[in-house]
C-alpha cells in the first residue's frame, strides 16, 4: 500500500532502538525524511546510518535528554517544519505505591506526559498552517488497564491520554490528527529489563520468565518492532485522516477488555 507520505518529514523520539526505531524504519520505508532523537549518540548514529543506507532518506540526528529544557529546544529547532511527530520515551521503573515520592512522579510526568505535550505545542502550529499533520504518541496498554507495579507509568501516560483526547478534536479541523499507540509486551530492551526483574525475584531464568509472560498473551508471543512500526506508519499516512483521538492497542490481545 502506498502510504502517500513520500517526501514528508518526521520527528521520531527515542528512535535509536526498540519501538521508536521500528517507527523510524517504517516511515523511512515509506519515503519519509527523519529527525531521530535519543540520549545515546553512538547508538543513535548507528541506527541512523542503517536507515540511510537501507532506505535512502535524509536523516538528521539529535542526541540529548528531551526531558530537559535545553534538550527540548535542540530537538524542536532540528524538527522545525516537520509534518509528522512520533513521541516516545522509556517508562519509569516498576515498584509499589509505597515506594514512590513526589520527585518520582515529577520525573515520570516530565518524561511521559510533559515532554510530548511540549513537542506538540511547538510543532502543531506549522502542521495546522499547512493543513496537514500527523502526531502519534507511543503510550502503553496500561492506560486502558492499569498494571499495578507500573503505577508511575499508569499515572503519567493516562495524563497524556487525557490531554490528547481534548487537543486532537481541536486540531482536526485543520487536517491534523493526533492518536496514541498502546503497546503491550514487545521484544525490546524494556521487556528484557522487566523480565530480568521477574527472573531475579522468582529465582528463575530469563527465558523461563519470558515464557511465563508469553503464555499470558493470546498470541503466545511478544510483538515485534516491525509490526509496531507498520501500525505507526499507517496512522501517519494519507489513509488515516479520519482517525482522531484514538487509543489503539497493539498487545496481542493481552488487555482483557470488551471495548
C-alpha atoms as a PDB file:
ATOM      1  CA  UNK A   1       0.000   0.000   0.000  1.00  0.00           C
ATOM      2  CA  UNK A   2       1.248   3.460  -0.914  1.00  0.00           C
ATOM      3  CA  UNK A   3       1.010   5.460   2.302  1.00  0.00           C
ATOM      4  CA  UNK A   4       1.117   8.750   0.414  1.00  0.00           C
ATOM      5  CA  UNK A   5       3.726  10.368   2.648  1.00  0.00           C
ATOM      6  CA  UNK A   6       6.846  10.178   0.496  1.00  0.00           C
ATOM      7  CA  UNK A   7       8.798  13.416   0.863  1.00  0.00           C
ATOM      8  CA  UNK A   8       7.252  14.298   4.230  1.00  0.00           C
ATOM      9  CA  UNK A   9       9.456  14.951   7.276  1.00  0.00           C
ATOM     10  CA  UNK A  10       9.063  13.317  10.659  1.00  0.00           C
ATOM     11  CA  UNK A  11      10.492  13.658  14.137  1.00  0.00           C
ATOM     12  CA  UNK A  12      10.711  10.291  15.895  1.00  0.00           C
ATOM     13  CA  UNK A  13      11.740  10.476  19.547  1.00  0.00           C
ATOM     14  CA  UNK A  14      13.744   7.783  21.352  1.00  0.00           C
ATOM     15  CA  UNK A  15      14.341   6.127  17.999  1.00  0.00           C
ATOM     16  CA  UNK A  16      17.790   4.561  18.274  1.00  0.00           C
ATOM     17  CA  UNK A  17      16.270   1.188  19.217  1.00  0.00           C
ATOM     18  CA  UNK A  18      13.085  -0.605  20.188  1.00  0.00           C
ATOM     19  CA  UNK A  19       9.664   0.640  19.183  1.00  0.00           C
ATOM     20  CA  UNK A  20      10.939   4.091  18.254  1.00  0.00           C
ATOM     21  CA  UNK A  21      13.400   2.562  15.813  1.00  0.00           C
ATOM     22  CA  UNK A  22      10.621   0.384  14.406  1.00  0.00           C
ATOM     23  CA  UNK A  23       8.572   3.521  13.711  1.00  0.00           C
ATOM     24  CA  UNK A  24      11.547   5.293  12.135  1.00  0.00           C
ATOM     25  CA  UNK A  25      12.239   2.278   9.901  1.00  0.00           C
ATOM     26  CA  UNK A  26       8.646   2.051   8.709  1.00  0.00           C
ATOM     27  CA  UNK A  27       8.388   5.769   7.972  1.00  0.00           C
ATOM     28  CA  UNK A  28      11.699   5.718   6.110  1.00  0.00           C
ATOM     29  CA  UNK A  29      10.475   2.767   4.048  1.00  0.00           C
ATOM     30  CA  UNK A  30       7.528   4.969   3.043  1.00  0.00           C
ATOM     31  CA  UNK A  31       9.926   7.671   1.842  1.00  0.00           C
ATOM     32  CA  UNK A  32       9.795   9.984   4.861  1.00  0.00           C
ATOM     33  CA  UNK A  33      12.877  12.019   5.809  1.00  0.00           C
ATOM     34  CA  UNK A  34      13.668  11.819   9.504  1.00  0.00           C
ATOM     35  CA  UNK A  35      14.836  13.673  12.544  1.00  0.00           C
ATOM     36  CA  UNK A  36      15.874  10.975  15.003  1.00  0.00           C
ATOM     37  CA  UNK A  37      16.484  11.566  18.687  1.00  0.00           C
ATOM     38  CA  UNK A  38      17.926   9.529  21.547  1.00  0.00           C
ATOM     39  CA  UNK A  39      20.130  10.080  24.571  1.00  0.00           C
ATOM     40  CA  UNK A  40      23.000   7.885  23.429  1.00  0.00           C
ATOM     41  CA  UNK A  41      24.869   9.416  20.491  1.00  0.00           C
ATOM     42  CA  UNK A  42      26.711   6.261  19.446  1.00  0.00           C
ATOM     43  CA  UNK A  43      23.652   4.014  19.199  1.00  0.00           C
ATOM     44  CA  UNK A  44      21.698   6.814  17.530  1.00  0.00           C
ATOM     45  CA  UNK A  45      24.294   7.258  14.774  1.00  0.00           C
ATOM     46  CA  UNK A  46      24.428   3.513  14.129  1.00  0.00           C
ATOM     47  CA  UNK A  47      20.657   3.367  13.723  1.00  0.00           C
ATOM     48  CA  UNK A  48      20.563   6.497  11.562  1.00  0.00           C
ATOM     49  CA  UNK A  49      23.272   5.144   9.250  1.00  0.00           C
ATOM     50  CA  UNK A  50      21.368   1.893   8.887  1.00  0.00           C
ATOM     51  CA  UNK A  51      18.213   3.729   7.831  1.00  0.00           C
ATOM     52  CA  UNK A  52      20.108   5.974   5.413  1.00  0.00           C
ATOM     53  CA  UNK A  53      21.760   3.004   3.711  1.00  0.00           C
ATOM     54  CA  UNK A  54      18.642   0.835   3.559  1.00  0.00           C
ATOM     55  CA  UNK A  55      16.071   3.452   2.564  1.00  0.00           C
ATOM     56  CA  UNK A  56      17.958   6.376   1.023  1.00  0.00           C
ATOM     57  CA  UNK A  57      16.194   9.067   3.033  1.00  0.00           C
ATOM     58  CA  UNK A  58      17.710  12.080   4.745  1.00  0.00           C
ATOM     59  CA  UNK A  59      18.252  11.554   8.469  1.00  0.00           C
ATOM     60  CA  UNK A  60      19.205  14.262  10.957  1.00  0.00           C
ATOM     61  CA  UNK A  61      20.200  13.156  14.452  1.00  0.00           C
ATOM     62  CA  UNK A  62      19.912  14.961  17.782  1.00  0.00           C
ATOM     63  CA  UNK A  63      21.448  13.231  20.795  1.00  0.00           C
ATOM     64  CA  UNK A  64      20.106  14.766  24.003  1.00  0.00           C
ATOM     65  CA  UNK A  65      17.857  14.332  27.007  1.00  0.00           C
ATOM     66  CA  UNK A  66      14.466  15.622  25.865  1.00  0.00           C
ATOM     67  CA  UNK A  67      13.158  15.918  29.409  1.00  0.00           C
ATOM     68  CA  UNK A  68      15.484  18.907  29.858  1.00  0.00           C
ATOM     69  CA  UNK A  69      14.614  22.367  28.552  1.00  0.00           C
ATOM     70  CA  UNK A  70      17.871  22.513  26.578  1.00  0.00           C
ATOM     71  CA  UNK A  71      17.268  19.115  25.021  1.00  0.00           C
ATOM     72  CA  UNK A  72      13.745  20.031  24.008  1.00  0.00           C
ATOM     73  CA  UNK A  73      14.971  23.224  22.382  1.00  0.00           C
ATOM     74  CA  UNK A  74      17.614  21.325  20.392  1.00  0.00           C
ATOM     75  CA  UNK A  75      15.075  18.841  19.075  1.00  0.00           C
ATOM     76  CA  UNK A  76      12.431  21.461  18.305  1.00  0.00           C
ATOM     77  CA  UNK A  77      14.922  23.521  16.292  1.00  0.00           C
ATOM     78  CA  UNK A  78      16.053  20.463  14.332  1.00  0.00           C
ATOM     79  CA  UNK A  79      12.447  19.403  13.715  1.00  0.00           C
ATOM     80  CA  UNK A  80      11.128  22.817  12.677  1.00  0.00           C
ATOM     81  CA  UNK A  81       8.556  22.360   9.926  1.00  0.00           C
ATOM     82  CA  UNK A  82       8.063  18.594  10.257  1.00  0.00           C
ATOM     83  CA  UNK A  83       4.817  17.065   9.030  1.00  0.00           C
ATOM     84  CA  UNK A  84       4.829  14.102  11.413  1.00  0.00           C
ATOM     85  CA  UNK A  85       5.627  13.802  15.119  1.00  0.00           C
ATOM     86  CA  UNK A  86       6.108  10.478  16.909  1.00  0.00           C
ATOM     87  CA  UNK A  87       6.657  10.910  20.638  1.00  0.00           C
ATOM     88  CA  UNK A  88       8.210   8.153  22.685  1.00  0.00           C
ATOM     89  CA  UNK A  89      10.033   7.674  25.974  1.00  0.00           C
ATOM     90  CA  UNK A  90      11.046   4.745  28.107  1.00  0.00           C
ATOM     91  CA  UNK A  91       8.791   4.005  31.025  1.00  0.00           C
ATOM     92  CA  UNK A  92       9.619   4.733  34.672  1.00  0.00           C
ATOM     93  CA  UNK A  93      10.937   1.901  36.855  1.00  0.00           C
ATOM     94  CA  UNK A  94       8.467  -0.578  38.375  1.00  0.00           C
ATOM     95  CA  UNK A  95       7.654  -0.639  42.057  1.00  0.00           C
ATOM     96  CA  UNK A  96       4.815  -0.401  44.555  1.00  0.00           C
ATOM     97  CA  UNK A  97       2.671   2.529  45.620  1.00  0.00           C
ATOM     98  CA  UNK A  98       4.615   2.888  48.867  1.00  0.00           C
ATOM     99  CA  UNK A  99       7.939   3.246  47.020  1.00  0.00           C
ATOM    100  CA  UNK A 100       7.231   6.499  45.206  1.00  0.00           C
ATOM    101  CA  UNK A 101       7.679  10.052  46.398  1.00  0.00           C
ATOM    102  CA  UNK A 102       6.800  13.355  44.768  1.00  0.00           C
ATOM    103  CA  UNK A 103      10.088  13.552  42.881  1.00  0.00           C
ATOM    104  CA  UNK A 104       9.486  10.125  41.325  1.00  0.00           C
ATOM    105  CA  UNK A 105       6.145  11.315  39.972  1.00  0.00           C
ATOM    106  CA  UNK A 106       7.666  14.564  38.675  1.00  0.00           C
ATOM    107  CA  UNK A 107      10.289  12.605  36.737  1.00  0.00           C
ATOM    108  CA  UNK A 108       7.625  10.303  35.290  1.00  0.00           C
ATOM    109  CA  UNK A 109       5.439  13.250  34.293  1.00  0.00           C
ATOM    110  CA  UNK A 110       8.380  15.030  32.660  1.00  0.00           C
ATOM    111  CA  UNK A 111       9.262  12.015  30.520  1.00  0.00           C
ATOM    112  CA  UNK A 112       5.879  10.531  29.694  1.00  0.00           C
ATOM    113  CA  UNK A 113       3.472  13.472  29.717  1.00  0.00           C
ATOM    114  CA  UNK A 114       5.009  16.945  29.754  1.00  0.00           C
ATOM    115  CA  UNK A 115       7.700  16.335  27.106  1.00  0.00           C
ATOM    116  CA  UNK A 116       5.233  15.014  24.485  1.00  0.00           C
ATOM    117  CA  UNK A 117       2.964  17.953  25.254  1.00  0.00           C
ATOM    118  CA  UNK A 118       5.883  20.385  24.782  1.00  0.00           C
ATOM    119  CA  UNK A 119       6.655  18.905  21.372  1.00  0.00           C
ATOM    120  CA  UNK A 120       3.028  19.060  20.294  1.00  0.00           C
ATOM    121  CA  UNK A 121       2.720  22.659  21.429  1.00  0.00           C
ATOM    122  CA  UNK A 122       5.829  23.614  19.445  1.00  0.00           C
ATOM    123  CA  UNK A 123       5.180  21.648  16.244  1.00  0.00           C
ATOM    124  CA  UNK A 124       1.406  21.595  15.817  1.00  0.00           C
ATOM    125  CA  UNK A 125       1.048  25.240  14.677  1.00  0.00           C
ATOM    126  CA  UNK A 126       3.056  24.638  11.482  1.00  0.00           C
ATOM    127  CA  UNK A 127       1.071  21.498  10.684  1.00  0.00           C
ATOM    128  CA  UNK A 128      -2.169  23.408  11.203  1.00  0.00           C
ATOM    129  CA  UNK A 129      -0.985  26.220   8.959  1.00  0.00           C
ATOM    130  CA  UNK A 130      -0.110  23.702   6.240  1.00  0.00           C
ATOM    131  CA  UNK A 131      -3.464  21.959   6.587  1.00  0.00           C
ATOM    132  CA  UNK A 132      -1.916  18.522   7.175  1.00  0.00           C
ATOM    133  CA  UNK A 133      -0.113  16.785  10.001  1.00  0.00           C
ATOM    134  CA  UNK A 134       0.127  13.579  11.979  1.00  0.00           C
ATOM    135  CA  UNK A 135       1.006  13.003  15.631  1.00  0.00           C
ATOM    136  CA  UNK A 136       1.383   9.544  17.146  1.00  0.00           C
ATOM    137  CA  UNK A 137       2.176   9.176  20.833  1.00  0.00           C
ATOM    138  CA  UNK A 138       3.596   5.858  21.983  1.00  0.00           C
ATOM    139  CA  UNK A 139       1.998   5.289  25.382  1.00  0.00           C
ATOM    140  CA  UNK A 140       1.128   1.912  26.969  1.00  0.00           C
ATOM    141  CA  UNK A 141      -1.571  -0.689  27.343  1.00  0.00           C
ATOM    142  CA  UNK A 142      -1.656   0.429  30.991  1.00  0.00           C
ATOM    143  CA  UNK A 143      -3.823   3.448  30.110  1.00  0.00           C
ATOM    144  CA  UNK A 144      -6.630   1.006  29.290  1.00  0.00           C
ATOM    145  CA  UNK A 145      -5.987  -1.468  32.096  1.00  0.00           C
ATOM    146  CA  UNK A 146      -3.566  -0.391  34.855  1.00  0.00           C
ATOM    147  CA  UNK A 147      -0.560  -2.502  35.729  1.00  0.00           C
ATOM    148  CA  UNK A 148      -0.057  -2.369  39.488  1.00  0.00           C
ATOM    149  CA  UNK A 149       3.751  -2.385  39.528  1.00  0.00           C
ATOM    150  CA  UNK A 150       3.862   0.351  36.856  1.00  0.00           C
ATOM    151  CA  UNK A 151       1.986   2.991  38.821  1.00  0.00           C
ATOM    152  CA  UNK A 152       4.271   5.816  37.732  1.00  0.00           C
ATOM    153  CA  UNK A 153       3.692   4.945  34.096  1.00  0.00           C
ATOM    154  CA  UNK A 154      -0.051   4.439  34.650  1.00  0.00           C
ATOM    155  CA  UNK A 155      -0.354   7.941  36.074  1.00  0.00           C
ATOM    156  CA  UNK A 156       1.817   9.879  33.629  1.00  0.00           C
ATOM    157  CA  UNK A 157       0.655   8.198  30.442  1.00  0.00           C
ATOM    158  CA  UNK A 158      -3.001   8.455  31.410  1.00  0.00           C
ATOM    159  CA  UNK A 159      -2.470  12.182  31.899  1.00  0.00           C
ATOM    160  CA  UNK A 160      -1.126  12.430  28.351  1.00  0.00           C
ATOM    161  CA  UNK A 161      -4.114  10.442  27.107  1.00  0.00           C
ATOM    162  CA  UNK A 162      -6.491  12.969  28.645  1.00  0.00           C
ATOM    163  CA  UNK A 163      -4.615  15.847  27.052  1.00  0.00           C
ATOM    164  CA  UNK A 164      -4.754  14.188  23.627  1.00  0.00           C
ATOM    165  CA  UNK A 165      -8.478  13.490  23.952  1.00  0.00           C
ATOM    166  CA  UNK A 166      -9.245  17.204  24.028  1.00  0.00           C
ATOM    167  CA  UNK A 167      -6.446  18.566  21.852  1.00  0.00           C
ATOM    168  CA  UNK A 168      -6.993  16.116  18.990  1.00  0.00           C
ATOM    169  CA  UNK A 169     -10.541  17.393  18.475  1.00  0.00           C
ATOM    170  CA  UNK A 170      -9.338  20.991  18.398  1.00  0.00           C
ATOM    171  CA  UNK A 171      -6.744  20.498  15.648  1.00  0.00           C
ATOM    172  CA  UNK A 172      -8.649  18.002  13.491  1.00  0.00           C
ATOM    173  CA  UNK A 173     -10.492  20.729  11.506  1.00  0.00           C
ATOM    174  CA  UNK A 174      -7.086  21.874  10.221  1.00  0.00           C
ATOM    175  CA  UNK A 175      -6.205  18.453   8.796  1.00  0.00           C
ATOM    176  CA  UNK A 176      -4.055  17.372  11.743  1.00  0.00           C
ATOM    177  CA  UNK A 177      -4.678  14.089  13.539  1.00  0.00           C
ATOM    178  CA  UNK A 178      -3.380  13.011  16.945  1.00  0.00           C
ATOM    179  CA  UNK A 179      -3.635   9.400  18.088  1.00  0.00           C
ATOM    180  CA  UNK A 180      -1.983   7.133  20.639  1.00  0.00           C
ATOM    181  CA  UNK A 181      -0.488   3.690  20.104  1.00  0.00           C
ATOM    182  CA  UNK A 182      -0.637   1.495  23.194  1.00  0.00           C
ATOM    183  CA  UNK A 183       1.979  -1.264  23.101  1.00  0.00           C
ATOM    184  CA  UNK A 184       1.779  -4.405  25.146  1.00  0.00           C
ATOM    185  CA  UNK A 185       4.848  -6.563  25.521  1.00  0.00           C
ATOM    186  CA  UNK A 186       7.219  -6.286  22.571  1.00  0.00           C
ATOM    187  CA  UNK A 187      10.637  -7.794  22.098  1.00  0.00           C
ATOM    188  CA  UNK A 188      12.612  -4.755  23.274  1.00  0.00           C
ATOM    189  CA  UNK A 189      15.178  -3.814  25.895  1.00  0.00           C
ATOM    190  CA  UNK A 190      12.319  -2.649  28.140  1.00  0.00           C
ATOM    191  CA  UNK A 191      10.783  -6.130  28.071  1.00  0.00           C
ATOM    192  CA  UNK A 192      14.159  -7.705  28.764  1.00  0.00           C
ATOM    193  CA  UNK A 193      14.625  -5.420  31.763  1.00  0.00           C
ATOM    194  CA  UNK A 194      11.219  -6.294  33.194  1.00  0.00           C
ATOM    195  CA  UNK A 195      11.776  -9.995  32.565  1.00  0.00           C
ATOM    196  CA  UNK A 196      15.153  -9.816  34.293  1.00  0.00           C
ATOM    197  CA  UNK A 197      13.497  -8.308  37.347  1.00  0.00           C
ATOM    198  CA  UNK A 198      10.885 -11.062  37.452  1.00  0.00           C
ATOM    199  CA  UNK A 199      13.552 -13.724  36.987  1.00  0.00           C
ATOM    200  CA  UNK A 200      15.584 -12.373  39.898  1.00  0.00           C
ATOM    201  CA  UNK A 201      12.525 -12.085  42.107  1.00  0.00           C
ATOM    202  CA  UNK A 202      11.320 -15.636  41.405  1.00  0.00           C
ATOM    203  CA  UNK A 203      14.728 -17.290  41.139  1.00  0.00           C
ATOM    204  CA  UNK A 204      14.157 -18.497  37.585  1.00  0.00           C
ATOM    205  CA  UNK A 205      15.938 -17.919  34.291  1.00  0.00           C
ATOM    206  CA  UNK A 206      15.122 -15.003  31.995  1.00  0.00           C
ATOM    207  CA  UNK A 207      13.949 -17.487  29.353  1.00  0.00           C
ATOM    208  CA  UNK A 208      11.543 -19.007  31.878  1.00  0.00           C
ATOM    209  CA  UNK A 209      10.265 -15.578  32.887  1.00  0.00           C
ATOM    210  CA  UNK A 210       9.756 -14.684  29.235  1.00  0.00           C
ATOM    211  CA  UNK A 211       7.929 -17.938  28.517  1.00  0.00           C
ATOM    212  CA  UNK A 212       5.670 -17.410  31.522  1.00  0.00           C
ATOM    213  CA  UNK A 213       4.722 -13.945  30.329  1.00  0.00           C
ATOM    214  CA  UNK A 214       4.265 -15.000  26.704  1.00  0.00           C
ATOM    215  CA  UNK A 215       1.805 -17.621  27.949  1.00  0.00           C
ATOM    216  CA  UNK A 216      -0.441 -14.823  29.262  1.00  0.00           C
ATOM    217  CA  UNK A 217      -0.741 -13.277  25.780  1.00  0.00           C
ATOM    218  CA  UNK A 218      -3.397 -14.787  23.479  1.00  0.00           C
ATOM    219  CA  UNK A 219      -0.919 -14.802  20.569  1.00  0.00           C
ATOM    220  CA  UNK A 220       1.575 -16.625  22.846  1.00  0.00           C
ATOM    221  CA  UNK A 221       4.441 -14.387  21.798  1.00  0.00           C
ATOM    222  CA  UNK A 222       5.862 -10.901  22.155  1.00  0.00           C
ATOM    223  CA  UNK A 223       5.250  -8.304  19.489  1.00  0.00           C
ATOM    224  CA  UNK A 224       7.964  -7.109  17.111  1.00  0.00           C
ATOM    225  CA  UNK A 225       9.209  -3.628  16.392  1.00  0.00           C
ATOM    226  CA  UNK A 226       8.368  -4.159  12.705  1.00  0.00           C
ATOM    227  CA  UNK A 227       4.696  -4.828  13.485  1.00  0.00           C
ATOM    228  CA  UNK A 228       4.539  -1.800  15.712  1.00  0.00           C
ATOM    229  CA  UNK A 229       6.307   0.420  13.178  1.00  0.00           C
ATOM    230  CA  UNK A 230       3.895  -0.590  10.424  1.00  0.00           C
ATOM    231  CA  UNK A 231       0.926   0.420  12.586  1.00  0.00           C
ATOM    232  CA  UNK A 232       2.555   3.762  13.353  1.00  0.00           C
ATOM    233  CA  UNK A 233       3.295   4.421   9.680  1.00  0.00           C
ATOM    234  CA  UNK A 234      -0.333   3.735   8.769  1.00  0.00           C
ATOM    235  CA  UNK A 235      -1.564   6.249  11.360  1.00  0.00           C
ATOM    236  CA  UNK A 236       0.840   8.758   9.787  1.00  0.00           C
ATOM    237  CA  UNK A 237      -0.408   8.041   6.274  1.00  0.00           C
ATOM    238  CA  UNK A 238      -2.847   9.760   3.959  1.00  0.00           C
ATOM    239  CA  UNK A 239      -5.315   6.965   4.692  1.00  0.00           C
ATOM    240  CA  UNK A 240      -5.676   7.796   8.390  1.00  0.00           C
ATOM    241  CA  UNK A 241      -7.169  11.269   8.184  1.00  0.00           C
ATOM    242  CA  UNK A 242     -10.471  10.138   9.729  1.00  0.00           C
ATOM    243  CA  UNK A 243      -8.854   8.535  12.788  1.00  0.00           C
ATOM    244  CA  UNK A 244      -8.830  11.157  15.545  1.00  0.00           C
ATOM    245  CA  UNK A 245      -8.092  10.942  19.257  1.00  0.00           C
ATOM    246  CA  UNK A 246      -7.962   7.150  19.380  1.00  0.00           C
ATOM    247  CA  UNK A 247      -6.064   4.814  21.707  1.00  0.00           C
ATOM    248  CA  UNK A 248      -5.091   1.769  19.683  1.00  0.00           C
ATOM    249  CA  UNK A 249      -3.864  -1.349  21.469  1.00  0.00           C
ATOM    250  CA  UNK A 250      -1.063  -3.426  19.989  1.00  0.00           C
ATOM    251  CA  UNK A 251      -0.812  -6.098  22.642  1.00  0.00           C
ATOM    252  CA  UNK A 252      -1.617  -9.464  21.098  1.00  0.00           C
ATOM    253  CA  UNK A 253      -4.969  -9.430  22.896  1.00  0.00           C
ATOM    254  CA  UNK A 254      -3.392  -9.295  26.349  1.00  0.00           C
ATOM    255  CA  UNK A 255      -5.566  -6.466  27.669  1.00  0.00           C
ATOM    256  CA  UNK A 256      -8.766  -8.240  28.679  1.00  0.00           C
ATOM    257  CA  UNK A 257     -11.404  -5.604  27.934  1.00  0.00           C
ATOM    258  CA  UNK A 258     -14.591  -5.546  25.879  1.00  0.00           C
ATOM    259  CA  UNK A 259     -14.214  -2.087  24.301  1.00  0.00           C
END
